[in-house]
N, C-alpha and C. Protein backbone atom coordinates (compact mmCIF):
# COMPACT_ATOMS: atom_id res chain seq x y z
N MET A 1 48.16 38.71 -113.15
CA MET A 1 47.26 39.62 -112.48
C MET A 1 45.82 39.11 -112.52
N MET A 2 45.44 38.56 -113.67
CA MET A 2 44.08 38.06 -113.85
C MET A 2 43.84 36.86 -112.94
N LYS A 3 44.84 35.98 -112.76
CA LYS A 3 44.71 34.81 -111.89
C LYS A 3 44.50 35.23 -110.45
N ILE A 4 45.20 36.27 -110.03
CA ILE A 4 45.08 36.76 -108.65
C ILE A 4 43.68 37.31 -108.42
N LEU A 5 43.13 38.04 -109.38
CA LEU A 5 41.77 38.59 -109.26
C LEU A 5 40.75 37.46 -109.16
N LYS A 6 40.90 36.42 -110.01
CA LYS A 6 39.97 35.28 -109.98
C LYS A 6 40.07 34.56 -108.64
N LEU A 7 41.27 34.37 -108.14
CA LEU A 7 41.49 33.70 -106.86
C LEU A 7 40.85 34.50 -105.72
N ASN A 8 41.08 35.83 -105.70
CA ASN A 8 40.48 36.68 -104.67
C ASN A 8 38.95 36.65 -104.75
N LYS A 9 38.41 36.67 -105.96
CA LYS A 9 36.96 36.63 -106.16
C LYS A 9 36.40 35.30 -105.64
N SER A 10 37.10 34.20 -105.91
CA SER A 10 36.67 32.88 -105.46
C SER A 10 36.68 32.79 -103.94
N ILE A 11 37.75 33.29 -103.32
CA ILE A 11 37.85 33.27 -101.85
C ILE A 11 36.75 34.14 -101.25
N PHE A 12 36.51 35.31 -101.85
CA PHE A 12 35.46 36.21 -101.36
C PHE A 12 34.09 35.54 -101.44
N LEU A 13 33.77 34.90 -102.55
CA LEU A 13 32.47 34.24 -102.72
C LEU A 13 32.30 33.09 -101.73
N ARG A 14 33.33 32.28 -101.52
CA ARG A 14 33.25 31.19 -100.55
C ARG A 14 33.02 31.72 -99.14
N GLY A 15 33.72 32.79 -98.80
CA GLY A 15 33.55 33.40 -97.49
C GLY A 15 32.15 33.97 -97.31
N LEU A 16 31.64 34.59 -98.36
CA LEU A 16 30.29 35.16 -98.31
C LEU A 16 29.23 34.06 -98.15
N ILE A 17 29.39 32.97 -98.86
CA ILE A 17 28.46 31.84 -98.75
C ILE A 17 28.53 31.24 -97.35
N SER A 18 29.72 31.06 -96.84
CA SER A 18 29.88 30.51 -95.48
C SER A 18 29.25 31.42 -94.44
N LEU A 19 29.45 32.71 -94.58
CA LEU A 19 28.88 33.68 -93.65
C LEU A 19 27.35 33.67 -93.72
N THR A 20 26.79 33.56 -94.91
CA THR A 20 25.35 33.50 -95.09
C THR A 20 24.77 32.26 -94.41
N ILE A 21 25.41 31.12 -94.59
CA ILE A 21 24.95 29.88 -93.94
C ILE A 21 25.03 30.02 -92.43
N LEU A 22 26.12 30.56 -91.92
CA LEU A 22 26.30 30.75 -90.48
C LEU A 22 25.22 31.65 -89.91
N ILE A 23 24.93 32.76 -90.57
CA ILE A 23 23.90 33.68 -90.10
C ILE A 23 22.53 33.01 -90.12
N SER A 24 22.23 32.24 -91.16
CA SER A 24 20.92 31.57 -91.22
C SER A 24 20.79 30.52 -90.12
N LEU A 25 21.89 29.86 -89.74
CA LEU A 25 21.83 28.88 -88.65
C LEU A 25 21.66 29.57 -87.29
N ILE A 26 22.23 30.75 -87.15
CA ILE A 26 22.06 31.49 -85.90
C ILE A 26 20.62 31.98 -85.79
N ILE A 27 20.07 32.49 -86.87
CA ILE A 27 18.70 33.00 -86.85
C ILE A 27 17.70 31.85 -86.73
N ASN A 28 17.89 30.78 -87.48
CA ASN A 28 17.00 29.61 -87.47
C ASN A 28 17.81 28.37 -87.14
N PRO A 29 18.11 28.13 -85.87
CA PRO A 29 18.96 26.98 -85.54
C PRO A 29 18.28 25.67 -85.88
N LEU A 30 19.13 24.69 -86.21
CA LEU A 30 18.60 23.36 -86.48
C LEU A 30 18.09 22.77 -85.17
N LYS A 31 16.93 22.22 -85.21
CA LYS A 31 16.37 21.63 -84.01
C LYS A 31 16.53 20.11 -84.12
N VAL A 32 17.31 19.56 -83.20
CA VAL A 32 17.53 18.13 -83.19
C VAL A 32 16.64 17.53 -82.11
N HIS A 33 15.60 16.89 -82.54
CA HIS A 33 14.71 16.22 -81.59
C HIS A 33 13.92 15.18 -82.34
N ALA A 34 13.42 14.29 -81.62
CA ALA A 34 12.53 13.31 -82.20
C ALA A 34 11.15 13.64 -81.68
N GLU A 35 10.19 12.91 -82.14
CA GLU A 35 8.83 13.21 -81.75
C GLU A 35 8.17 12.02 -81.13
N ILE A 36 7.24 12.32 -80.25
CA ILE A 36 6.37 11.29 -79.70
C ILE A 36 5.32 11.03 -80.77
N ALA A 37 5.09 9.79 -81.10
CA ALA A 37 4.13 9.47 -82.16
C ALA A 37 3.29 8.26 -81.76
N GLU A 38 2.17 8.12 -82.43
CA GLU A 38 1.33 6.95 -82.24
C GLU A 38 2.04 5.76 -82.88
N THR A 39 2.27 4.72 -82.10
CA THR A 39 2.99 3.55 -82.56
C THR A 39 2.19 2.31 -82.18
N GLU A 40 2.17 1.33 -83.06
CA GLU A 40 1.47 0.08 -82.72
C GLU A 40 2.37 -0.79 -81.85
N ILE A 41 1.88 -1.05 -80.64
CA ILE A 41 2.60 -1.89 -79.69
C ILE A 41 1.61 -2.89 -79.13
N ASN A 42 1.96 -4.16 -79.21
CA ASN A 42 1.09 -5.23 -78.72
C ASN A 42 -0.30 -5.15 -79.34
N GLY A 43 -0.38 -4.76 -80.61
CA GLY A 43 -1.66 -4.71 -81.31
C GLY A 43 -2.50 -3.48 -81.04
N GLU A 44 -1.99 -2.52 -80.26
CA GLU A 44 -2.73 -1.30 -79.97
C GLU A 44 -1.90 -0.08 -80.36
N LEU A 45 -2.59 1.00 -80.72
CA LEU A 45 -1.89 2.26 -80.99
C LEU A 45 -1.66 2.98 -79.67
N MET A 46 -0.41 3.36 -79.41
CA MET A 46 -0.05 4.04 -78.18
C MET A 46 0.92 5.17 -78.49
N ARG A 47 0.91 6.19 -77.63
CA ARG A 47 1.91 7.25 -77.73
C ARG A 47 3.25 6.66 -77.29
N ALA A 48 4.25 6.84 -78.12
CA ALA A 48 5.55 6.23 -77.80
C ALA A 48 6.69 7.06 -78.38
N SER A 49 7.83 6.93 -77.74
CA SER A 49 9.08 7.49 -78.24
C SER A 49 9.84 6.33 -78.87
N SER A 50 10.24 6.47 -80.11
CA SER A 50 10.95 5.40 -80.79
C SER A 50 12.20 5.97 -81.44
N GLU A 51 13.36 5.43 -81.06
CA GLU A 51 14.64 5.91 -81.58
C GLU A 51 15.53 4.73 -81.96
N PHE A 52 16.32 4.90 -83.00
CA PHE A 52 17.36 3.94 -83.36
C PHE A 52 18.70 4.52 -82.92
N LEU A 53 19.42 3.77 -82.09
CA LEU A 53 20.71 4.21 -81.59
C LEU A 53 21.75 3.11 -81.83
N ARG A 54 23.02 3.52 -81.89
CA ARG A 54 24.11 2.55 -82.07
C ARG A 54 24.91 2.41 -80.79
N ASP A 55 25.28 1.16 -80.49
CA ASP A 55 26.15 0.92 -79.34
C ASP A 55 27.59 1.18 -79.76
N LEU A 56 28.53 0.97 -78.83
CA LEU A 56 29.93 1.25 -79.14
C LEU A 56 30.54 0.26 -80.13
N ASP A 57 29.84 -0.86 -80.40
CA ASP A 57 30.29 -1.82 -81.42
C ASP A 57 29.62 -1.55 -82.76
N PHE A 58 28.92 -0.43 -82.89
CA PHE A 58 28.22 0.00 -84.10
C PHE A 58 27.03 -0.88 -84.46
N GLU A 59 26.50 -1.62 -83.50
CA GLU A 59 25.26 -2.37 -83.72
C GLU A 59 24.09 -1.42 -83.47
N THR A 60 23.05 -1.51 -84.28
CA THR A 60 21.90 -0.63 -84.15
C THR A 60 20.81 -1.29 -83.32
N TRP A 61 20.23 -0.50 -82.41
CA TRP A 61 19.17 -0.95 -81.52
C TRP A 61 18.02 0.04 -81.60
N GLN A 62 16.82 -0.49 -81.52
CA GLN A 62 15.66 0.39 -81.44
C GLN A 62 15.21 0.45 -79.99
N LEU A 63 15.03 1.67 -79.48
CA LEU A 63 14.53 1.87 -78.13
C LEU A 63 13.15 2.49 -78.23
N VAL A 64 12.16 1.82 -77.66
CA VAL A 64 10.78 2.31 -77.68
C VAL A 64 10.32 2.46 -76.24
N ALA A 65 9.95 3.67 -75.86
CA ALA A 65 9.42 3.93 -74.52
C ALA A 65 7.93 4.22 -74.66
N TYR A 66 7.13 3.59 -73.80
CA TYR A 66 5.68 3.79 -73.85
C TYR A 66 5.06 3.45 -72.51
N LYS A 67 3.86 3.99 -72.27
CA LYS A 67 3.11 3.65 -71.07
C LYS A 67 2.30 2.42 -71.38
N SER A 68 2.50 1.36 -70.60
CA SER A 68 1.87 0.09 -70.89
C SER A 68 0.62 -0.15 -70.05
N PRO A 69 -0.51 -0.43 -70.69
CA PRO A 69 -1.71 -0.79 -69.93
C PRO A 69 -1.55 -2.15 -69.24
N PHE A 70 -0.62 -2.98 -69.72
CA PHE A 70 -0.37 -4.29 -69.10
C PHE A 70 0.35 -4.17 -67.77
N PHE A 71 1.03 -3.04 -67.55
CA PHE A 71 1.84 -2.85 -66.34
C PHE A 71 1.35 -1.63 -65.54
N GLU A 72 0.05 -1.52 -65.38
CA GLU A 72 -0.55 -0.44 -64.59
C GLU A 72 -0.10 0.93 -65.08
N ASP A 73 -0.03 1.12 -66.37
CA ASP A 73 0.39 2.37 -66.99
C ASP A 73 1.79 2.82 -66.59
N LYS A 74 2.65 1.86 -66.26
CA LYS A 74 4.05 2.19 -65.99
C LYS A 74 4.75 2.47 -67.31
N LEU A 75 5.81 3.24 -67.21
CA LEU A 75 6.61 3.53 -68.39
C LEU A 75 7.53 2.34 -68.65
N ILE A 76 7.48 1.82 -69.86
CA ILE A 76 8.24 0.63 -70.25
C ILE A 76 9.22 1.01 -71.35
N LEU A 77 10.42 0.46 -71.27
CA LEU A 77 11.42 0.64 -72.32
C LEU A 77 11.61 -0.70 -73.01
N ARG A 78 11.33 -0.73 -74.31
CA ARG A 78 11.54 -1.94 -75.11
C ARG A 78 12.83 -1.75 -75.90
N VAL A 79 13.76 -2.69 -75.75
CA VAL A 79 15.02 -2.69 -76.48
C VAL A 79 14.91 -3.78 -77.54
N ILE A 80 15.10 -3.41 -78.80
CA ILE A 80 14.91 -4.34 -79.91
C ILE A 80 16.18 -4.43 -80.73
N GLY A 81 16.65 -5.66 -80.95
CA GLY A 81 17.81 -5.91 -81.81
C GLY A 81 17.32 -6.57 -83.09
N TYR A 82 18.21 -6.83 -83.99
CA TYR A 82 17.83 -7.50 -85.22
C TYR A 82 17.71 -8.99 -84.97
N PRO A 83 16.55 -9.60 -85.28
CA PRO A 83 16.38 -11.04 -85.06
C PRO A 83 17.43 -11.83 -85.83
N GLY A 84 17.91 -12.87 -85.21
CA GLY A 84 18.91 -13.72 -85.83
C GLY A 84 20.32 -13.36 -85.42
N ASN A 85 20.54 -12.11 -85.02
CA ASN A 85 21.88 -11.67 -84.62
C ASN A 85 22.19 -12.04 -83.18
N LEU A 86 21.17 -12.16 -82.36
CA LEU A 86 21.40 -12.42 -80.95
C LEU A 86 20.14 -13.00 -80.33
N ARG A 87 20.29 -13.49 -79.14
CA ARG A 87 19.16 -13.93 -78.33
C ARG A 87 19.33 -13.31 -76.96
N ILE A 88 18.29 -12.67 -76.48
CA ILE A 88 18.35 -12.05 -75.17
C ILE A 88 17.75 -13.01 -74.16
N ASP A 89 18.57 -13.45 -73.21
CA ASP A 89 18.08 -14.34 -72.16
C ASP A 89 17.32 -13.52 -71.12
N HIS A 90 16.26 -14.12 -70.58
CA HIS A 90 15.43 -13.42 -69.58
C HIS A 90 15.39 -14.23 -68.30
N PRO A 91 15.30 -13.61 -67.17
CA PRO A 91 15.37 -12.18 -66.94
C PRO A 91 16.81 -11.67 -66.91
N THR A 92 17.00 -10.50 -67.46
CA THR A 92 18.29 -9.82 -67.45
C THR A 92 18.03 -8.35 -67.13
N SER A 93 18.64 -7.83 -66.09
CA SER A 93 18.44 -6.42 -65.74
C SER A 93 19.22 -5.52 -66.68
N LEU A 94 18.65 -4.36 -66.95
CA LEU A 94 19.31 -3.36 -67.78
C LEU A 94 20.01 -2.38 -66.86
N GLN A 95 21.33 -2.26 -67.02
CA GLN A 95 22.10 -1.32 -66.21
C GLN A 95 22.12 0.03 -66.91
N VAL A 96 21.82 1.07 -66.13
CA VAL A 96 21.81 2.44 -66.66
C VAL A 96 22.78 3.26 -65.81
N ASP A 97 23.71 3.95 -66.49
CA ASP A 97 24.69 4.80 -65.81
C ASP A 97 24.54 6.23 -66.30
N SER A 98 24.71 7.15 -65.37
CA SER A 98 24.74 8.57 -65.70
C SER A 98 25.65 9.25 -64.69
N GLY A 99 26.87 9.52 -65.11
CA GLY A 99 27.84 10.08 -64.18
C GLY A 99 28.12 9.07 -63.08
N ARG A 100 27.93 9.49 -61.84
CA ARG A 100 28.17 8.58 -60.71
C ARG A 100 26.92 7.81 -60.31
N LYS A 101 25.80 8.11 -60.94
CA LYS A 101 24.55 7.43 -60.59
C LYS A 101 24.37 6.19 -61.45
N GLN A 102 23.73 5.18 -60.84
CA GLN A 102 23.53 3.91 -61.55
C GLN A 102 22.18 3.32 -61.13
N TRP A 103 21.50 2.73 -62.10
CA TRP A 103 20.22 2.07 -61.85
C TRP A 103 20.24 0.70 -62.51
N LEU A 104 19.49 -0.24 -61.95
CA LEU A 104 19.23 -1.53 -62.57
C LEU A 104 17.73 -1.61 -62.83
N LEU A 105 17.36 -1.68 -64.10
CA LEU A 105 15.95 -1.72 -64.47
C LEU A 105 15.50 -3.18 -64.57
N ASN A 106 14.37 -3.48 -63.94
CA ASN A 106 13.85 -4.85 -63.92
C ASN A 106 13.34 -5.28 -65.29
N ASP A 107 13.65 -6.53 -65.64
CA ASP A 107 13.21 -7.14 -66.89
C ASP A 107 11.73 -7.51 -66.76
N LYS A 108 10.90 -6.97 -67.65
CA LYS A 108 9.46 -7.24 -67.64
C LYS A 108 9.02 -8.05 -68.86
N THR A 109 9.98 -8.56 -69.61
CA THR A 109 9.69 -9.24 -70.87
C THR A 109 8.76 -10.43 -70.70
N SER A 110 9.01 -11.26 -69.70
CA SER A 110 8.21 -12.47 -69.54
C SER A 110 6.76 -12.17 -69.18
N LEU A 111 6.46 -10.94 -68.73
CA LEU A 111 5.08 -10.56 -68.42
C LEU A 111 4.31 -10.11 -69.65
N ASN A 112 5.01 -9.88 -70.76
CA ASN A 112 4.37 -9.50 -72.01
C ASN A 112 4.23 -10.77 -72.84
N VAL A 113 3.01 -11.28 -72.95
CA VAL A 113 2.75 -12.56 -73.62
C VAL A 113 3.27 -12.58 -75.05
N GLU A 114 3.09 -11.47 -75.77
CA GLU A 114 3.54 -11.39 -77.17
C GLU A 114 5.05 -11.58 -77.27
N LEU A 115 5.80 -10.89 -76.42
CA LEU A 115 7.26 -11.02 -76.46
C LEU A 115 7.74 -12.35 -75.89
N ALA A 116 7.08 -12.81 -74.83
CA ALA A 116 7.49 -14.07 -74.20
C ALA A 116 7.34 -15.25 -75.17
N ASN A 117 6.37 -15.18 -76.06
CA ASN A 117 6.13 -16.27 -77.01
C ASN A 117 6.83 -16.06 -78.35
N ASP A 118 7.58 -14.99 -78.49
CA ASP A 118 8.30 -14.72 -79.72
C ASP A 118 9.59 -15.53 -79.74
N GLY A 119 9.70 -16.48 -80.63
CA GLY A 119 10.85 -17.37 -80.70
C GLY A 119 12.15 -16.69 -81.09
N ARG A 120 12.07 -15.50 -81.66
CA ARG A 120 13.29 -14.79 -82.08
C ARG A 120 14.06 -14.26 -80.88
N GLN A 121 13.39 -13.95 -79.79
CA GLN A 121 13.99 -13.43 -78.57
C GLN A 121 14.96 -12.29 -78.83
N ALA A 122 14.54 -11.37 -79.70
CA ALA A 122 15.41 -10.24 -80.06
C ALA A 122 14.95 -8.94 -79.41
N ALA A 123 14.03 -9.04 -78.45
CA ALA A 123 13.54 -7.84 -77.77
C ALA A 123 13.41 -8.11 -76.28
N ALA A 124 13.52 -7.04 -75.52
CA ALA A 124 13.35 -7.13 -74.07
C ALA A 124 12.67 -5.86 -73.59
N GLU A 125 11.90 -5.97 -72.51
CA GLU A 125 11.22 -4.81 -71.95
C GLU A 125 11.65 -4.61 -70.50
N PHE A 126 11.77 -3.33 -70.12
CA PHE A 126 12.25 -2.98 -68.79
C PHE A 126 11.38 -1.88 -68.19
N ASP A 127 11.29 -1.90 -66.86
CA ASP A 127 10.53 -0.90 -66.12
C ASP A 127 11.34 0.39 -66.07
N LEU A 128 10.87 1.40 -66.79
CA LEU A 128 11.60 2.67 -66.92
C LEU A 128 11.18 3.67 -65.84
N ASN A 129 10.10 3.38 -65.11
CA ASN A 129 9.59 4.33 -64.11
C ASN A 129 10.62 4.71 -63.06
N GLU A 130 11.33 3.73 -62.50
CA GLU A 130 12.29 4.03 -61.44
C GLU A 130 13.33 5.05 -61.90
N LEU A 131 13.83 4.86 -63.12
CA LEU A 131 14.83 5.78 -63.66
C LEU A 131 14.23 7.17 -63.85
N ILE A 132 13.10 7.25 -64.53
CA ILE A 132 12.48 8.54 -64.85
C ILE A 132 12.09 9.29 -63.57
N ASN A 133 11.64 8.58 -62.55
CA ASN A 133 11.26 9.22 -61.29
C ASN A 133 12.46 9.71 -60.49
N ASN A 134 13.66 9.24 -60.83
CA ASN A 134 14.86 9.61 -60.08
C ASN A 134 15.79 10.57 -60.80
N ILE A 135 15.40 11.01 -61.98
CA ILE A 135 16.23 12.01 -62.66
C ILE A 135 15.41 13.28 -62.83
N ASP A 136 16.06 14.41 -62.66
CA ASP A 136 15.35 15.69 -62.79
C ASP A 136 15.84 16.52 -63.97
N LYS A 137 16.79 15.96 -64.73
CA LYS A 137 17.33 16.66 -65.90
C LYS A 137 17.40 15.68 -67.07
N ASN A 138 17.44 16.24 -68.25
CA ASN A 138 17.61 15.43 -69.46
C ASN A 138 19.10 15.20 -69.67
N ARG A 139 19.61 14.22 -68.97
CA ARG A 139 21.05 13.96 -68.98
C ARG A 139 21.36 12.78 -69.90
N PRO A 140 22.58 12.72 -70.45
CA PRO A 140 22.96 11.57 -71.26
C PRO A 140 23.06 10.32 -70.37
N LEU A 141 22.68 9.19 -70.94
CA LEU A 141 22.72 7.92 -70.22
C LEU A 141 23.56 6.92 -71.01
N ARG A 142 24.02 5.88 -70.31
CA ARG A 142 24.71 4.75 -70.93
C ARG A 142 24.01 3.48 -70.47
N LEU A 143 23.54 2.70 -71.43
CA LEU A 143 22.84 1.45 -71.12
C LEU A 143 23.78 0.27 -71.33
N SER A 144 23.68 -0.73 -70.46
CA SER A 144 24.45 -1.97 -70.61
C SER A 144 23.52 -3.14 -70.35
N LEU A 145 23.57 -4.12 -71.23
CA LEU A 145 22.75 -5.32 -71.09
C LEU A 145 23.68 -6.52 -71.19
N SER A 146 23.89 -7.17 -70.08
CA SER A 146 24.86 -8.25 -69.97
C SER A 146 24.68 -9.31 -71.07
N GLY A 147 25.78 -9.60 -71.77
CA GLY A 147 25.77 -10.59 -72.83
C GLY A 147 25.19 -10.11 -74.14
N VAL A 148 24.72 -8.84 -74.17
CA VAL A 148 24.08 -8.31 -75.38
C VAL A 148 24.86 -7.11 -75.92
N PHE A 149 24.98 -6.05 -75.11
CA PHE A 149 25.82 -4.91 -75.47
C PHE A 149 26.42 -4.34 -74.20
N SER A 150 27.64 -3.82 -74.35
CA SER A 150 28.34 -3.31 -73.17
C SER A 150 28.06 -1.84 -72.92
N GLU A 151 27.82 -1.06 -73.96
CA GLU A 151 27.49 0.34 -73.76
C GLU A 151 26.72 0.89 -74.95
N LEU A 152 25.54 1.40 -74.63
CA LEU A 152 24.68 2.04 -75.63
C LEU A 152 24.40 3.47 -75.14
N PRO A 153 25.05 4.46 -75.75
CA PRO A 153 24.83 5.85 -75.33
C PRO A 153 23.43 6.34 -75.72
N VAL A 154 22.78 7.02 -74.78
CA VAL A 154 21.45 7.60 -75.02
C VAL A 154 21.59 9.11 -74.84
N PRO A 155 21.34 9.88 -75.90
CA PRO A 155 21.51 11.33 -75.81
C PRO A 155 20.38 11.99 -75.00
N PRO A 156 20.64 13.20 -74.49
CA PRO A 156 19.65 13.90 -73.66
C PRO A 156 18.29 14.12 -74.32
N PHE A 157 18.25 14.34 -75.65
CA PHE A 157 16.95 14.58 -76.28
C PHE A 157 16.05 13.34 -76.21
N VAL A 158 16.63 12.15 -76.17
CA VAL A 158 15.83 10.93 -76.03
C VAL A 158 15.30 10.83 -74.59
N VAL A 159 16.14 11.16 -73.62
CA VAL A 159 15.71 11.17 -72.22
C VAL A 159 14.56 12.17 -72.03
N LYS A 160 14.66 13.29 -72.71
CA LYS A 160 13.59 14.30 -72.64
C LYS A 160 12.27 13.72 -73.15
N GLU A 161 12.33 12.97 -74.23
CA GLU A 161 11.12 12.31 -74.77
C GLU A 161 10.54 11.35 -73.74
N TRP A 162 11.41 10.53 -73.16
CA TRP A 162 10.94 9.56 -72.17
C TRP A 162 10.26 10.27 -71.01
N ARG A 163 10.86 11.35 -70.53
CA ARG A 163 10.30 12.08 -69.40
C ARG A 163 8.96 12.73 -69.78
N SER A 164 8.79 13.11 -71.04
CA SER A 164 7.53 13.74 -71.46
C SER A 164 6.38 12.73 -71.53
N LEU A 165 6.70 11.45 -71.59
CA LEU A 165 5.66 10.41 -71.63
C LEU A 165 5.08 10.14 -70.24
N ASP A 166 5.84 10.46 -69.20
CA ASP A 166 5.43 10.14 -67.84
C ASP A 166 4.33 11.06 -67.36
């Protein structure tokens, strides 16, 4: 009889704790977002969105979106891999898919003197304006860079950050 009471008390307490956590999440939901922050790019501090994402092969990539004074204040997406793991040949267009829509973003890496002279060749920059000007929602995207990664999922909250920079 005593074991049954202890078991019922344990089940009751676990249920109560679970219910308390659930109610607190409903009242104060977790907010999943990143922030636009001042980031040093090409030796200058700029407002930028910076995220680390994994491709389908579990390789980690840093995506940095910023307005570049070198490109008439166009929105630029910098894709950065770990030096030594790969070399990105230029020019290479970045393919972006979202449902049935598809874009090819132009490679702007060779126009950035700092990146063009970097012997590691582990970063590439792309013109993000065309994509941002053609989407009206924060939709999930899939990036593909020939010879580098076949699919890099980009969640909607990152797209929202990119759109807020424009």
